All heavy atoms as atom14 arrays in JSON, in Angstrom:
{
  "sequence": "LPQQDDTWIVGIFKPPLWISDGATPRRPSVIVVVESEHGMVLMQDM",
  "atom14_mask": [
    [1, 1, 1, 1, 1, 1, 1, 1, 0, 0, 0, 0, 0, 0],
    [1, 1, 1, 1, 1, 1, 1, 0, 0, 0, 0, 0, 0, 0],
    [1, 1, 1, 1, 1, 1, 1, 1, 1, 0, 0, 0, 0, 0],
    [1, 1, 1, 1, 1, 1, 1, 1, 1, 0, 0, 0, 0, 0],
    [1, 1, 1, 1, 1, 1, 1, 1, 0, 0, 0, 0, 0, 0],
    [1, 1, 1, 1, 1, 1, 1, 1, 0, 0, 0, 0, 0, 0],
    [1, 1, 1, 1, 1, 1, 1, 0, 0, 0, 0, 0, 0, 0],
    [1, 1, 1, 1, 1, 1, 1, 1, 1, 1, 1, 1, 1, 1],
    [1, 1, 1, 1, 1, 1, 1, 1, 0, 0, 0, 0, 0, 0],
    [1, 1, 1, 1, 1, 1, 1, 0, 0, 0, 0, 0, 0, 0],
    [1, 1, 1, 1, 0, 0, 0, 0, 0, 0, 0, 0, 0, 0],
    [1, 1, 1, 1, 1, 1, 1, 1, 0, 0, 0, 0, 0, 0],
    [1, 1, 1, 1, 1, 1, 1, 1, 1, 1, 1, 0, 0, 0],
    [1, 1, 1, 1, 1, 1, 1, 1, 1, 0, 0, 0, 0, 0],
    [1, 1, 1, 1, 1, 1, 1, 0, 0, 0, 0, 0, 0, 0],
    [1, 1, 1, 1, 1, 1, 1, 0, 0, 0, 0, 0, 0, 0],
    [1, 1, 1, 1, 1, 1, 1, 1, 0, 0, 0, 0, 0, 0],
    [1, 1, 1, 1, 1, 1, 1, 1, 1, 1, 1, 1, 1, 1],
    [1, 1, 1, 1, 1, 1, 1, 1, 0, 0, 0, 0, 0, 0],
    [1, 1, 1, 1, 1, 1, 0, 0, 0, 0, 0, 0, 0, 0],
    [1, 1, 1, 1, 1, 1, 1, 1, 0, 0, 0, 0, 0, 0],
    [1, 1, 1, 1, 0, 0, 0, 0, 0, 0, 0, 0, 0, 0],
    [1, 1, 1, 1, 1, 0, 0, 0, 0, 0, 0, 0, 0, 0],
    [1, 1, 1, 1, 1, 1, 1, 0, 0, 0, 0, 0, 0, 0],
    [1, 1, 1, 1, 1, 1, 1, 0, 0, 0, 0, 0, 0, 0],
    [1, 1, 1, 1, 1, 1, 1, 1, 1, 1, 1, 0, 0, 0],
    [1, 1, 1, 1, 1, 1, 1, 1, 1, 1, 1, 0, 0, 0],
    [1, 1, 1, 1, 1, 1, 1, 0, 0, 0, 0, 0, 0, 0],
    [1, 1, 1, 1, 1, 1, 0, 0, 0, 0, 0, 0, 0, 0],
    [1, 1, 1, 1, 1, 1, 1, 0, 0, 0, 0, 0, 0, 0],
    [1, 1, 1, 1, 1, 1, 1, 1, 0, 0, 0, 0, 0, 0],
    [1, 1, 1, 1, 1, 1, 1, 0, 0, 0, 0, 0, 0, 0],
    [1, 1, 1, 1, 1, 1, 1, 0, 0, 0, 0, 0, 0, 0],
    [1, 1, 1, 1, 1, 1, 1, 0, 0, 0, 0, 0, 0, 0],
    [1, 1, 1, 1, 1, 1, 1, 1, 1, 0, 0, 0, 0, 0],
    [1, 1, 1, 1, 1, 1, 0, 0, 0, 0, 0, 0, 0, 0],
    [1, 1, 1, 1, 1, 1, 1, 1, 1, 0, 0, 0, 0, 0],
    [1, 1, 1, 1, 1, 1, 1, 1, 1, 1, 0, 0, 0, 0],
    [1, 1, 1, 1, 0, 0, 0, 0, 0, 0, 0, 0, 0, 0],
    [1, 1, 1, 1, 1, 1, 1, 1, 0, 0, 0, 0, 0, 0],
    [1, 1, 1, 1, 1, 1, 1, 0, 0, 0, 0, 0, 0, 0],
    [1, 1, 1, 1, 1, 1, 1, 1, 0, 0, 0, 0, 0, 0],
    [1, 1, 1, 1, 1, 1, 1, 1, 0, 0, 0, 0, 0, 0],
    [1, 1, 1, 1, 1, 1, 1, 1, 1, 0, 0, 0, 0, 0],
    [1, 1, 1, 1, 1, 1, 1, 1, 0, 0, 0, 0, 0, 0],
    [1, 1, 1, 1, 1, 1, 1, 1, 0, 0, 0, 0, 0, 0]
  ],
  "atom14_positions": [
    [[127.3, 126.06, 75.56], [126.68, 124.88, 74.94], [126.42, 125.16, 73.47], [126.1, 126.3, 73.09], [125.35, 124.54, 75.62], [125.39, 123.94, 77.01], [123.97, 123.79, 77.56], [126.09, 122.59, 77.0], [0.0, 0.0, 0.0], [0.0, 0.0, 0.0], [0.0, 0.0, 0.0], [0.0, 0.0, 0.0], [0.0, 0.0, 0.0], [0.0, 0.0, 0.0]],
    [[126.51, 124.13, 72.62], [126.16, 124.36, 71.21], [124.69, 124.75, 71.09], [123.87, 124.31, 71.89], [126.43, 123.01, 70.55], [126.52, 122.02, 71.66], [126.88, 122.75, 72.9], [0.0, 0.0, 0.0], [0.0, 0.0, 0.0], [0.0, 0.0, 0.0], [0.0, 0.0, 0.0], [0.0, 0.0, 0.0], [0.0, 0.0, 0.0], [0.0, 0.0, 0.0]],
    [[124.42, 125.58, 70.1], [123.04, 126.02, 69.9], [122.49, 125.35, 68.65], [123.14, 125.36, 67.6], [122.96, 127.53, 69.76], [121.54, 128.06, 69.74], [121.48, 129.56, 69.89], [122.32, 130.27, 69.34], [120.5, 130.05, 70.62], [0.0, 0.0, 0.0], [0.0, 0.0, 0.0], [0.0, 0.0, 0.0], [0.0, 0.0, 0.0], [0.0, 0.0, 0.0]],
    [[121.31, 124.75, 68.77], [120.67, 124.11, 67.64], [119.48, 124.95, 67.2], [118.89, 125.68, 67.99], [120.23, 122.69, 68.0], [121.4, 121.77, 68.27], [120.96, 120.35, 68.54], [119.79, 119.99, 68.4], [121.91, 119.51, 68.91], [0.0, 0.0, 0.0], [0.0, 0.0, 0.0], [0.0, 0.0, 0.0], [0.0, 0.0, 0.0], [0.0, 0.0, 0.0]],
    [[119.13, 124.79, 65.95], [118.01, 125.55, 65.4], [116.71, 124.83, 65.71], [116.08, 124.24, 64.83], [118.2, 125.73, 63.89], [117.16, 126.64, 63.29], [116.62, 127.49, 64.03], [116.86, 126.5, 62.09], [0.0, 0.0, 0.0], [0.0, 0.0, 0.0], [0.0, 0.0, 0.0], [0.0, 0.0, 0.0], [0.0, 0.0, 0.0], [0.0, 0.0, 0.0]],
    [[116.34, 124.83, 66.98], [115.07, 124.23, 67.36], [114.32, 125.16, 68.3], [114.88, 126.1, 68.85], [115.22, 122.83, 67.94], [116.16, 122.72, 69.13], [116.8, 123.72, 69.49], [116.26, 121.62, 69.69], [0.0, 0.0, 0.0], [0.0, 0.0, 0.0], [0.0, 0.0, 0.0], [0.0, 0.0, 0.0], [0.0, 0.0, 0.0], [0.0, 0.0, 0.0]],
    [[113.05, 124.89, 68.44], [112.16, 125.7, 69.27], [111.6, 124.84, 70.38], [111.15, 123.72, 70.14], [111.01, 126.28, 68.41], [111.58, 127.08, 67.37], [110.06, 127.11, 69.25], [0.0, 0.0, 0.0], [0.0, 0.0, 0.0], [0.0, 0.0, 0.0], [0.0, 0.0, 0.0], [0.0, 0.0, 0.0], [0.0, 0.0, 0.0], [0.0, 0.0, 0.0]],
    [[111.64, 125.39, 71.58], [111.07, 124.72, 72.73], [109.87, 125.52, 73.22], [109.82, 126.74, 73.08], [112.08, 124.6, 73.86], [113.27, 123.74, 73.56], [113.52, 123.02, 72.42], [114.39, 123.52, 74.43], [114.72, 122.36, 72.54], [115.28, 122.65, 73.75], [114.73, 123.97, 75.69], [116.48, 122.22, 74.31], [115.92, 123.55, 76.24], [116.78, 122.67, 75.56]],
    [[108.93, 124.82, 73.83], [107.76, 125.47, 74.43], [107.79, 125.14, 75.92], [108.01, 123.99, 76.29], [106.45, 124.97, 73.81], [106.51, 124.98, 72.29], [105.27, 125.8, 74.31], [105.41, 124.16, 71.65], [0.0, 0.0, 0.0], [0.0, 0.0, 0.0], [0.0, 0.0, 0.0], [0.0, 0.0, 0.0], [0.0, 0.0, 0.0], [0.0, 0.0, 0.0]],
    [[107.55, 126.14, 76.75], [107.55, 125.93, 78.2], [106.28, 126.51, 78.8], [105.75, 127.51, 78.31], [108.82, 126.54, 78.86], [108.83, 128.05, 78.7], [108.95, 126.15, 80.32], [0.0, 0.0, 0.0], [0.0, 0.0, 0.0], [0.0, 0.0, 0.0], [0.0, 0.0, 0.0], [0.0, 0.0, 0.0], [0.0, 0.0, 0.0], [0.0, 0.0, 0.0]],
    [[105.8, 125.86, 79.84], [104.61, 126.38, 80.51], [104.47, 125.82, 81.91], [105.04, 124.78, 82.24], [0.0, 0.0, 0.0], [0.0, 0.0, 0.0], [0.0, 0.0, 0.0], [0.0, 0.0, 0.0], [0.0, 0.0, 0.0], [0.0, 0.0, 0.0], [0.0, 0.0, 0.0], [0.0, 0.0, 0.0], [0.0, 0.0, 0.0], [0.0, 0.0, 0.0]],
    [[103.73, 126.55, 82.73], [103.39, 126.12, 84.09], [101.9, 125.78, 84.09], [101.09, 126.58, 83.62], [103.64, 127.24, 85.12], [105.11, 127.66, 85.14], [103.19, 126.78, 86.52], [105.38, 128.87, 86.04], [0.0, 0.0, 0.0], [0.0, 0.0, 0.0], [0.0, 0.0, 0.0], [0.0, 0.0, 0.0], [0.0, 0.0, 0.0], [0.0, 0.0, 0.0]],
    [[101.57, 124.61, 84.63], [100.18, 124.18, 84.67], [99.84, 123.68, 86.07], [100.67, 123.13, 86.77], [99.94, 123.04, 83.66], [100.26, 123.46, 82.27], [101.53, 123.29, 81.75], [99.3, 124.07, 81.48], [101.85, 123.71, 80.48], [99.6, 124.49, 80.2], [100.88, 124.31, 79.69], [0.0, 0.0, 0.0], [0.0, 0.0, 0.0], [0.0, 0.0, 0.0]],
    [[98.62, 123.89, 86.46], [98.13, 123.41, 87.75], [97.11, 122.32, 87.45], [95.91, 122.59, 87.28], [97.48, 124.58, 88.5], [97.31, 124.35, 89.96], [98.5, 124.91, 90.68], [98.22, 125.14, 92.14], [99.44, 125.2, 92.9], [0.0, 0.0, 0.0], [0.0, 0.0, 0.0], [0.0, 0.0, 0.0], [0.0, 0.0, 0.0], [0.0, 0.0, 0.0]],
    [[97.56, 121.05, 87.35], [96.63, 119.96, 87.0], [95.54, 119.81, 88.06], [95.77, 120.13, 89.23], [97.51, 118.71, 86.97], [98.9, 119.19, 86.93], [98.91, 120.56, 87.53], [0.0, 0.0, 0.0], [0.0, 0.0, 0.0], [0.0, 0.0, 0.0], [0.0, 0.0, 0.0], [0.0, 0.0, 0.0], [0.0, 0.0, 0.0], [0.0, 0.0, 0.0]],
    [[94.39, 119.32, 87.67], [93.28, 119.14, 88.62], [93.46, 117.87, 89.46], [92.6, 117.0, 89.5], [92.07, 119.04, 87.7], [92.62, 118.43, 86.45], [94.0, 118.98, 86.31], [0.0, 0.0, 0.0], [0.0, 0.0, 0.0], [0.0, 0.0, 0.0], [0.0, 0.0, 0.0], [0.0, 0.0, 0.0], [0.0, 0.0, 0.0], [0.0, 0.0, 0.0]],
    [[94.64, 117.74, 90.09], [94.97, 116.56, 90.87], [95.57, 116.97, 92.2], [96.32, 117.94, 92.28], [95.99, 115.7, 90.12], [95.61, 115.27, 88.71], [96.82, 114.72, 87.99], [94.51, 114.24, 88.77], [0.0, 0.0, 0.0], [0.0, 0.0, 0.0], [0.0, 0.0, 0.0], [0.0, 0.0, 0.0], [0.0, 0.0, 0.0], [0.0, 0.0, 0.0]],
    [[95.26, 116.21, 93.22], [95.84, 116.44, 94.54], [96.73, 115.26, 94.88], [96.39, 114.12, 94.58], [94.74, 116.57, 95.59], [93.95, 117.83, 95.44], [92.87, 118.02, 94.62], [94.2, 119.08, 96.08], [92.42, 119.32, 94.72], [93.22, 119.98, 95.62], [95.13, 119.51, 97.0], [93.16, 121.3, 96.05], [95.08, 120.82, 97.43], [94.09, 121.7, 96.96]],
    [[97.87, 115.52, 95.5], [98.72, 114.43, 95.95], [98.94, 114.56, 97.45], [98.89, 115.65, 98.01], [100.08, 114.38, 95.2], [100.91, 115.64, 95.45], [99.88, 114.14, 93.72], [102.31, 115.55, 94.9], [0.0, 0.0, 0.0], [0.0, 0.0, 0.0], [0.0, 0.0, 0.0], [0.0, 0.0, 0.0], [0.0, 0.0, 0.0], [0.0, 0.0, 0.0]],
    [[99.16, 113.41, 98.08], [99.4, 113.39, 99.52], [100.45, 112.34, 99.79], [100.31, 111.18, 99.4], [98.11, 113.04, 100.27], [98.4, 112.88, 101.63], [0.0, 0.0, 0.0], [0.0, 0.0, 0.0], [0.0, 0.0, 0.0], [0.0, 0.0, 0.0], [0.0, 0.0, 0.0], [0.0, 0.0, 0.0], [0.0, 0.0, 0.0], [0.0, 0.0, 0.0]],
    [[101.52, 112.74, 100.45], [102.59, 111.81, 100.8], [102.59, 111.57, 102.31], [103.63, 111.45, 102.93], [103.94, 112.3, 100.31], [104.26, 113.72, 100.8], [103.46, 114.27, 101.59], [105.3, 114.25, 100.41], [0.0, 0.0, 0.0], [0.0, 0.0, 0.0], [0.0, 0.0, 0.0], [0.0, 0.0, 0.0], [0.0, 0.0, 0.0], [0.0, 0.0, 0.0]],
    [[101.41, 111.5, 102.89], [101.28, 111.3, 104.32], [101.1, 112.6, 105.08], [100.74, 112.61, 106.24], [0.0, 0.0, 0.0], [0.0, 0.0, 0.0], [0.0, 0.0, 0.0], [0.0, 0.0, 0.0], [0.0, 0.0, 0.0], [0.0, 0.0, 0.0], [0.0, 0.0, 0.0], [0.0, 0.0, 0.0], [0.0, 0.0, 0.0], [0.0, 0.0, 0.0]],
    [[101.35, 113.7, 104.43], [101.16, 115.01, 105.04], [99.88, 115.61, 104.48], [99.02, 114.91, 103.98], [102.36, 115.9, 104.72], [0.0, 0.0, 0.0], [0.0, 0.0, 0.0], [0.0, 0.0, 0.0], [0.0, 0.0, 0.0], [0.0, 0.0, 0.0], [0.0, 0.0, 0.0], [0.0, 0.0, 0.0], [0.0, 0.0, 0.0], [0.0, 0.0, 0.0]],
    [[99.78, 116.9, 104.55], [98.62, 117.59, 104.02], [98.56, 117.45, 102.5], [99.57, 117.67, 101.82], [98.69, 119.09, 104.39], [98.82, 119.21, 105.8], [97.45, 119.83, 103.91], [0.0, 0.0, 0.0], [0.0, 0.0, 0.0], [0.0, 0.0, 0.0], [0.0, 0.0, 0.0], [0.0, 0.0, 0.0], [0.0, 0.0, 0.0], [0.0, 0.0, 0.0]],
    [[97.42, 117.07, 101.94], [97.31, 117.0, 100.47], [97.65, 118.35, 99.86], [97.37, 119.4, 100.41], [95.84, 116.65, 100.24], [95.39, 116.02, 101.51], [96.17, 116.7, 102.6], [0.0, 0.0, 0.0], [0.0, 0.0, 0.0], [0.0, 0.0, 0.0], [0.0, 0.0, 0.0], [0.0, 0.0, 0.0], [0.0, 0.0, 0.0], [0.0, 0.0, 0.0]],
    [[98.32, 118.28, 98.71], [98.69, 119.52, 98.03], [98.46, 119.36, 96.54], [98.35, 118.27, 96.03], [100.12, 119.9, 98.35], [101.16, 118.92, 97.89], [102.54, 119.32, 98.47], [103.63, 118.8, 97.71], [104.18, 117.6, 97.91], [103.7, 116.81, 98.84], [105.2, 117.21, 97.18], [0.0, 0.0, 0.0], [0.0, 0.0, 0.0], [0.0, 0.0, 0.0]],
    [[98.41, 120.5, 95.88], [98.16, 120.54, 94.44], [99.32, 121.29, 93.79], [99.23, 122.5, 93.55], [96.84, 121.24, 94.18], [96.41, 121.17, 92.75], [95.03, 121.77, 92.59], [94.72, 121.85, 91.18], [93.99, 122.8, 90.64], [93.48, 123.74, 91.4], [93.77, 122.81, 89.36], [0.0, 0.0, 0.0], [0.0, 0.0, 0.0], [0.0, 0.0, 0.0]],
    [[100.42, 120.58, 93.47], [101.58, 121.26, 92.91], [101.37, 121.67, 91.46], [100.51, 121.13, 90.76], [102.69, 120.22, 93.02], [101.97, 118.92, 92.96], [100.64, 119.16, 93.64], [0.0, 0.0, 0.0], [0.0, 0.0, 0.0], [0.0, 0.0, 0.0], [0.0, 0.0, 0.0], [0.0, 0.0, 0.0], [0.0, 0.0, 0.0], [0.0, 0.0, 0.0]],
    [[102.17, 122.62, 91.04], [102.21, 123.02, 89.64], [103.2, 122.12, 88.91], [104.15, 121.61, 89.5], [102.67, 124.47, 89.51], [101.75, 125.33, 90.13], [0.0, 0.0, 0.0], [0.0, 0.0, 0.0], [0.0, 0.0, 0.0], [0.0, 0.0, 0.0], [0.0, 0.0, 0.0], [0.0, 0.0, 0.0], [0.0, 0.0, 0.0], [0.0, 0.0, 0.0]],
    [[102.97, 121.95, 87.63], [103.87, 121.18, 86.79], [104.46, 122.13, 85.76], [103.74, 122.9, 85.12], [103.12, 120.03, 86.07], [104.05, 119.28, 85.12], [102.51, 119.08, 87.08], [0.0, 0.0, 0.0], [0.0, 0.0, 0.0], [0.0, 0.0, 0.0], [0.0, 0.0, 0.0], [0.0, 0.0, 0.0], [0.0, 0.0, 0.0], [0.0, 0.0, 0.0]],
    [[105.79, 122.09, 85.64], [106.49, 122.89, 84.63], [106.94, 121.9, 83.56], [107.57, 120.89, 83.88], [107.72, 123.63, 85.21], [107.3, 124.53, 86.37], [108.41, 124.44, 84.13], [107.83, 124.08, 87.67], [0.0, 0.0, 0.0], [0.0, 0.0, 0.0], [0.0, 0.0, 0.0], [0.0, 0.0, 0.0], [0.0, 0.0, 0.0], [0.0, 0.0, 0.0]],
    [[106.59, 122.16, 82.32], [106.9, 121.23, 81.23], [107.65, 121.99, 80.13], [107.25, 123.09, 79.76], [105.63, 120.58, 80.65], [105.98, 119.58, 79.56], [104.8, 119.92, 81.74], [0.0, 0.0, 0.0], [0.0, 0.0, 0.0], [0.0, 0.0, 0.0], [0.0, 0.0, 0.0], [0.0, 0.0, 0.0], [0.0, 0.0, 0.0], [0.0, 0.0, 0.0]],
    [[108.74, 121.36, 79.64], [109.5, 121.89, 78.5], [109.4, 120.85, 77.39], [109.78, 119.69, 77.58], [110.98, 122.13, 78.86], [111.73, 122.7, 77.65], [111.11, 123.05, 80.06], [0.0, 0.0, 0.0], [0.0, 0.0, 0.0], [0.0, 0.0, 0.0], [0.0, 0.0, 0.0], [0.0, 0.0, 0.0], [0.0, 0.0, 0.0], [0.0, 0.0, 0.0]],
    [[108.88, 121.26, 76.24], [108.66, 120.36, 75.11], [109.37, 120.9, 73.87], [109.33, 122.1, 73.6], [107.14, 120.22, 74.83], [106.88, 119.42, 73.57], [106.43, 119.6, 76.01], [0.0, 0.0, 0.0], [0.0, 0.0, 0.0], [0.0, 0.0, 0.0], [0.0, 0.0, 0.0], [0.0, 0.0, 0.0], [0.0, 0.0, 0.0], [0.0, 0.0, 0.0]],
    [[110.0, 120.02, 73.14], [110.57, 120.37, 71.85], [109.4, 120.41, 70.87], [108.64, 119.44, 70.77], [111.62, 119.31, 71.45], [112.42, 119.65, 70.21], [111.72, 119.23, 68.94], [110.9, 118.3, 68.98], [111.97, 119.85, 67.91], [0.0, 0.0, 0.0], [0.0, 0.0, 0.0], [0.0, 0.0, 0.0], [0.0, 0.0, 0.0], [0.0, 0.0, 0.0]],
    [[109.22, 121.53, 70.18], [107.97, 121.75, 69.46], [107.79, 120.9, 68.21], [106.67, 120.5, 67.91], [107.81, 123.23, 69.1], [108.78, 123.61, 68.16], [0.0, 0.0, 0.0], [0.0, 0.0, 0.0], [0.0, 0.0, 0.0], [0.0, 0.0, 0.0], [0.0, 0.0, 0.0], [0.0, 0.0, 0.0], [0.0, 0.0, 0.0], [0.0, 0.0, 0.0]],
    [[108.85, 120.61, 67.48], [108.68, 119.9, 66.21], [108.21, 118.46, 66.38], [107.33, 117.99, 65.68], [109.97, 119.91, 65.4], [109.8, 119.3, 64.02], [111.06, 119.39, 63.17], [112.0, 120.11, 63.54], [111.08, 118.71, 62.13], [0.0, 0.0, 0.0], [0.0, 0.0, 0.0], [0.0, 0.0, 0.0], [0.0, 0.0, 0.0], [0.0, 0.0, 0.0]],
    [[108.78, 117.75, 67.36], [108.45, 116.34, 67.56], [107.63, 116.08, 68.82], [107.24, 114.96, 69.08], [109.73, 115.51, 67.6], [110.54, 115.63, 66.35], [111.63, 116.45, 66.27], [110.38, 115.07, 65.13], [112.14, 116.38, 65.05], [111.4, 115.55, 64.34], [0.0, 0.0, 0.0], [0.0, 0.0, 0.0], [0.0, 0.0, 0.0], [0.0, 0.0, 0.0]],
    [[107.42, 117.11, 69.64], [106.63, 116.96, 70.86], [107.33, 116.18, 71.95], [106.67, 115.63, 72.83], [0.0, 0.0, 0.0], [0.0, 0.0, 0.0], [0.0, 0.0, 0.0], [0.0, 0.0, 0.0], [0.0, 0.0, 0.0], [0.0, 0.0, 0.0], [0.0, 0.0, 0.0], [0.0, 0.0, 0.0], [0.0, 0.0, 0.0], [0.0, 0.0, 0.0]],
    [[108.66, 116.12, 71.9], [109.41, 115.38, 72.92], [109.49, 116.19, 74.21], [109.78, 117.38, 74.18], [110.82, 115.07, 72.43], [110.86, 114.17, 71.22], [112.55, 113.8, 70.69], [113.16, 115.42, 70.26], [0.0, 0.0, 0.0], [0.0, 0.0, 0.0], [0.0, 0.0, 0.0], [0.0, 0.0, 0.0], [0.0, 0.0, 0.0], [0.0, 0.0, 0.0]],
    [[109.23, 115.52, 75.34], [109.34, 116.18, 76.64], [110.82, 116.2, 77.02], [111.44, 115.15, 77.18], [108.51, 115.45, 77.71], [108.7, 116.1, 79.08], [107.05, 115.43, 77.32], [0.0, 0.0, 0.0], [0.0, 0.0, 0.0], [0.0, 0.0, 0.0], [0.0, 0.0, 0.0], [0.0, 0.0, 0.0], [0.0, 0.0, 0.0], [0.0, 0.0, 0.0]],
    [[111.36, 117.39, 77.15], [112.77, 117.56, 77.5], [112.97, 117.65, 79.01], [114.01, 117.27, 79.54], [113.33, 118.8, 76.83], [113.23, 118.81, 75.3], [113.61, 120.16, 74.74], [114.08, 117.71, 74.72], [0.0, 0.0, 0.0], [0.0, 0.0, 0.0], [0.0, 0.0, 0.0], [0.0, 0.0, 0.0], [0.0, 0.0, 0.0], [0.0, 0.0, 0.0]],
    [[111.97, 118.18, 79.7], [112.05, 118.31, 81.16], [110.65, 118.51, 81.69], [109.82, 119.16, 81.05], [112.93, 119.49, 81.56], [113.12, 119.69, 83.05], [113.76, 118.28, 83.97], [115.31, 117.95, 83.15], [0.0, 0.0, 0.0], [0.0, 0.0, 0.0], [0.0, 0.0, 0.0], [0.0, 0.0, 0.0], [0.0, 0.0, 0.0], [0.0, 0.0, 0.0]],
    [[110.41, 117.93, 82.86], [109.2, 118.24, 83.6], [109.58, 118.32, 85.06], [110.43, 117.58, 85.53], [108.09, 117.22, 83.36], [108.41, 115.81, 83.81], [107.31, 114.85, 83.42], [106.58, 115.08, 82.46], [107.18, 113.78, 84.17], [0.0, 0.0, 0.0], [0.0, 0.0, 0.0], [0.0, 0.0, 0.0], [0.0, 0.0, 0.0], [0.0, 0.0, 0.0]],
    [[109.03, 119.27, 85.72], [109.33, 119.52, 87.12], [108.01, 119.78, 87.84], [107.02, 120.16, 87.21], [110.21, 120.77, 87.26], [111.62, 120.45, 87.71], [111.85, 119.36, 88.27], [112.5, 121.3, 87.5], [0.0, 0.0, 0.0], [0.0, 0.0, 0.0], [0.0, 0.0, 0.0], [0.0, 0.0, 0.0], [0.0, 0.0, 0.0], [0.0, 0.0, 0.0]],
    [[108.03, 119.6, 89.13], [106.87, 119.94, 89.95], [107.33, 120.89, 91.03], [108.45, 120.77, 91.53], [106.27, 118.69, 90.57], [105.67, 117.75, 89.53], [104.94, 116.31, 90.29], [103.35, 117.0, 90.74], [0.0, 0.0, 0.0], [0.0, 0.0, 0.0], [0.0, 0.0, 0.0], [0.0, 0.0, 0.0], [0.0, 0.0, 0.0], [0.0, 0.0, 0.0]]
  ]
}
């Protein structure tokens, strides 16, 4: 892939929220990748 001169920031966070989809409530982690200069979210995963 082409490489651009930009910086990304990545982190894992455990938000203070519980979700339940009919099963046992759970508290997933969120992984977020942000482009640092403009603060654009490039990816978020749980």
